[in-house]
Amino acid sequence: MEQTNTAIDTRIDTRTCTCYPDEGPIPCPRKFALRDCWRSAVLDETQQHIAALKGRDRSPLEQRLLDYLMRVREALGPI
């Protein structure tokens, strides 16, 4: 018997997440590609550093680092 597109589209995905625990956020958003897990982890860490730098007076070197991290966050974009 042939399945229709609607039957295929409504199947529930029962696969477990393939993110290695150190690679992705917790709880894992059920990503199945290492690249997505890596991007998510880098974006989370970048945002943590940005928050830490924004919350204090910065030296010129720290300001350059903040500018760089802001560009990294923009390049990673939403996941």
C-alpha atoms as a PDB file:
ATOM      1  CA  MET A   1       0.000   0.000   0.000  1.00  0.00           C
ATOM      2  CA  GLU A   2       1.381   3.404  -0.969  1.00  0.00           C
ATOM      3  CA  GLN A   3       1.583   6.185   1.608  1.00  0.00           C
ATOM      4  CA  THR A   4       0.334   9.648   0.824  1.00  0.00           C
ATOM      5  CA  ASN A   5       2.419  12.747   1.408  1.00  0.00           C
ATOM      6  CA  THR A   6       0.243  13.749   4.340  1.00  0.00           C
ATOM      7  CA  ALA A   7       0.852  10.408   6.047  1.00  0.00           C
ATOM      8  CA  ILE A   8       4.597  10.799   5.603  1.00  0.00           C
ATOM      9  CA  ASP A   9       4.569  14.394   6.845  1.00  0.00           C
ATOM     10  CA  THR A  10       2.731  13.532  10.065  1.00  0.00           C
ATOM     11  CA  ARG A  11       5.012  10.708  11.189  1.00  0.00           C
ATOM     12  CA  ILE A  12       6.631  11.271  14.557  1.00  0.00           C
ATOM     13  CA  ASP A  13      10.400  11.343  14.593  1.00  0.00           C
ATOM     14  CA  THR A  14      11.518   8.892  17.269  1.00  0.00           C
ATOM     15  CA  ARG A  15      15.258   9.133  16.612  1.00  0.00           C
ATOM     16  CA  THR A  16      17.366  10.169  19.546  1.00  0.00           C
ATOM     17  CA  CYS A  17      19.504  13.245  19.243  1.00  0.00           C
ATOM     18  CA  THR A  18      22.923  12.602  17.745  1.00  0.00           C
ATOM     19  CA  CYS A  19      24.589  15.594  19.379  1.00  0.00           C
ATOM     20  CA  TYR A  20      27.466  14.542  21.557  1.00  0.00           C
ATOM     21  CA  PRO A  21      26.742  15.928  25.043  1.00  0.00           C
ATOM     22  CA  ASP A  22      29.682  18.364  24.877  1.00  0.00           C
ATOM     23  CA  GLU A  23      28.691  19.687  21.442  1.00  0.00           C
ATOM     24  CA  GLY A  24      25.221  21.039  21.922  1.00  0.00           C
ATOM     25  CA  PRO A  25      22.975  22.883  24.306  1.00  0.00           C
ATOM     26  CA  ILE A  26      20.989  21.090  26.959  1.00  0.00           C
ATOM     27  CA  PRO A  27      18.377  19.942  26.315  1.00  0.00           C
ATOM     28  CA  CYS A  28      19.442  18.985  22.833  1.00  0.00           C
ATOM     29  CA  PRO A  29      17.124  20.468  20.193  1.00  0.00           C
ATOM     30  CA  ARG A  30      17.150  17.089  18.396  1.00  0.00           C
ATOM     31  CA  LYS A  31      19.668  18.120  15.772  1.00  0.00           C
ATOM     32  CA  PHE A  32      21.113  15.365  13.656  1.00  0.00           C
ATOM     33  CA  ALA A  33      24.167  17.034  12.157  1.00  0.00           C
ATOM     34  CA  LEU A  34      27.438  17.753  13.905  1.00  0.00           C
ATOM     35  CA  ARG A  35      27.647  21.094  12.098  1.00  0.00           C
ATOM     36  CA  ASP A  36      24.371  22.265  13.664  1.00  0.00           C
ATOM     37  CA  CYS A  37      25.443  21.148  17.126  1.00  0.00           C
ATOM     38  CA  TRP A  38      28.791  22.885  16.722  1.00  0.00           C
ATOM     39  CA  ARG A  39      27.171  26.135  15.546  1.00  0.00           C
ATOM     40  CA  SER A  40      24.780  26.063  18.473  1.00  0.00           C
ATOM     41  CA  ALA A  41      27.575  25.536  20.998  1.00  0.00           C
ATOM     42  CA  VAL A  42      29.752  28.285  19.468  1.00  0.00           C
ATOM     43  CA  LEU A  43      26.823  30.697  19.388  1.00  0.00           C
ATOM     44  CA  ASP A  44      26.000  30.005  23.050  1.00  0.00           C
ATOM     45  CA  GLU A  45      29.609  30.551  24.120  1.00  0.00           C
ATOM     46  CA  THR A  46      29.911  33.694  21.997  1.00  0.00           C
ATOM     47  CA  GLN A  47      26.782  35.163  23.569  1.00  0.00           C
ATOM     48  CA  GLN A  48      28.107  34.428  27.064  1.00  0.00           C
ATOM     49  CA  HIS A  49      31.352  36.289  26.298  1.00  0.00           C
ATOM     50  CA  ILE A  50      29.434  39.208  24.790  1.00  0.00           C
ATOM     51  CA  ALA A  51      27.252  39.492  27.895  1.00  0.00           C
ATOM     52  CA  ALA A  52      30.311  39.450  30.154  1.00  0.00           C
ATOM     53  CA  LEU A  53      32.078  42.150  28.141  1.00  0.00           C
ATOM     54  CA  LYS A  54      29.019  44.383  27.816  1.00  0.00           C
ATOM     55  CA  GLY A  55      28.470  44.418  31.550  1.00  0.00           C
ATOM     56  CA  ARG A  56      31.660  46.294  32.457  1.00  0.00           C
ATOM     57  CA  ASP A  57      34.096  49.025  31.509  1.00  0.00           C
ATOM     58  CA  ARG A  58      36.322  47.801  28.689  1.00  0.00           C
ATOM     59  CA  SER A  59      39.908  48.441  27.738  1.00  0.00           C
ATOM     60  CA  PRO A  60      40.570  49.165  24.040  1.00  0.00           C
ATOM     61  CA  LEU A  61      41.646  45.544  23.562  1.00  0.00           C
ATOM     62  CA  GLU A  62      38.460  44.260  25.184  1.00  0.00           C
ATOM     63  CA  GLN A  63      36.408  46.594  22.998  1.00  0.00           C
ATOM     64  CA  ARG A  64      38.054  45.135  19.902  1.00  0.00           C
ATOM     65  CA  LEU A  65      37.277  41.644  21.203  1.00  0.00           C
ATOM     66  CA  LEU A  66      33.645  42.623  21.792  1.00  0.00           C
ATOM     67  CA  ASP A  67      33.388  44.028  18.256  1.00  0.00           C
ATOM     68  CA  TYR A  68      34.836  40.801  16.893  1.00  0.00           C
ATOM     69  CA  LEU A  69      32.447  38.633  18.918  1.00  0.00           C
ATOM     70  CA  MET A  70      29.495  40.684  17.700  1.00  0.00           C
ATOM     71  CA  ARG A  71      30.569  39.976  14.107  1.00  0.00           C
ATOM     72  CA  VAL A  72      30.930  36.269  14.911  1.00  0.00           C
ATOM     73  CA  ARG A  73      27.420  36.195  16.388  1.00  0.00           C
ATOM     74  CA  GLU A  74      26.044  37.947  13.304  1.00  0.00           C
ATOM     75  CA  ALA A  75      27.820  35.501  10.982  1.00  0.00           C
ATOM     76  CA  LEU A  76      26.463  32.479  12.846  1.00  0.00           C
ATOM     77  CA  GLY A  77      22.949  33.872  12.658  1.00  0.00           C
ATOM     78  CA  PRO A  78      19.913  32.108  14.064  1.00  0.00           C
ATOM     79  CA  ILE A  79      20.045  28.364  14.336  1.00  0.00           C
END
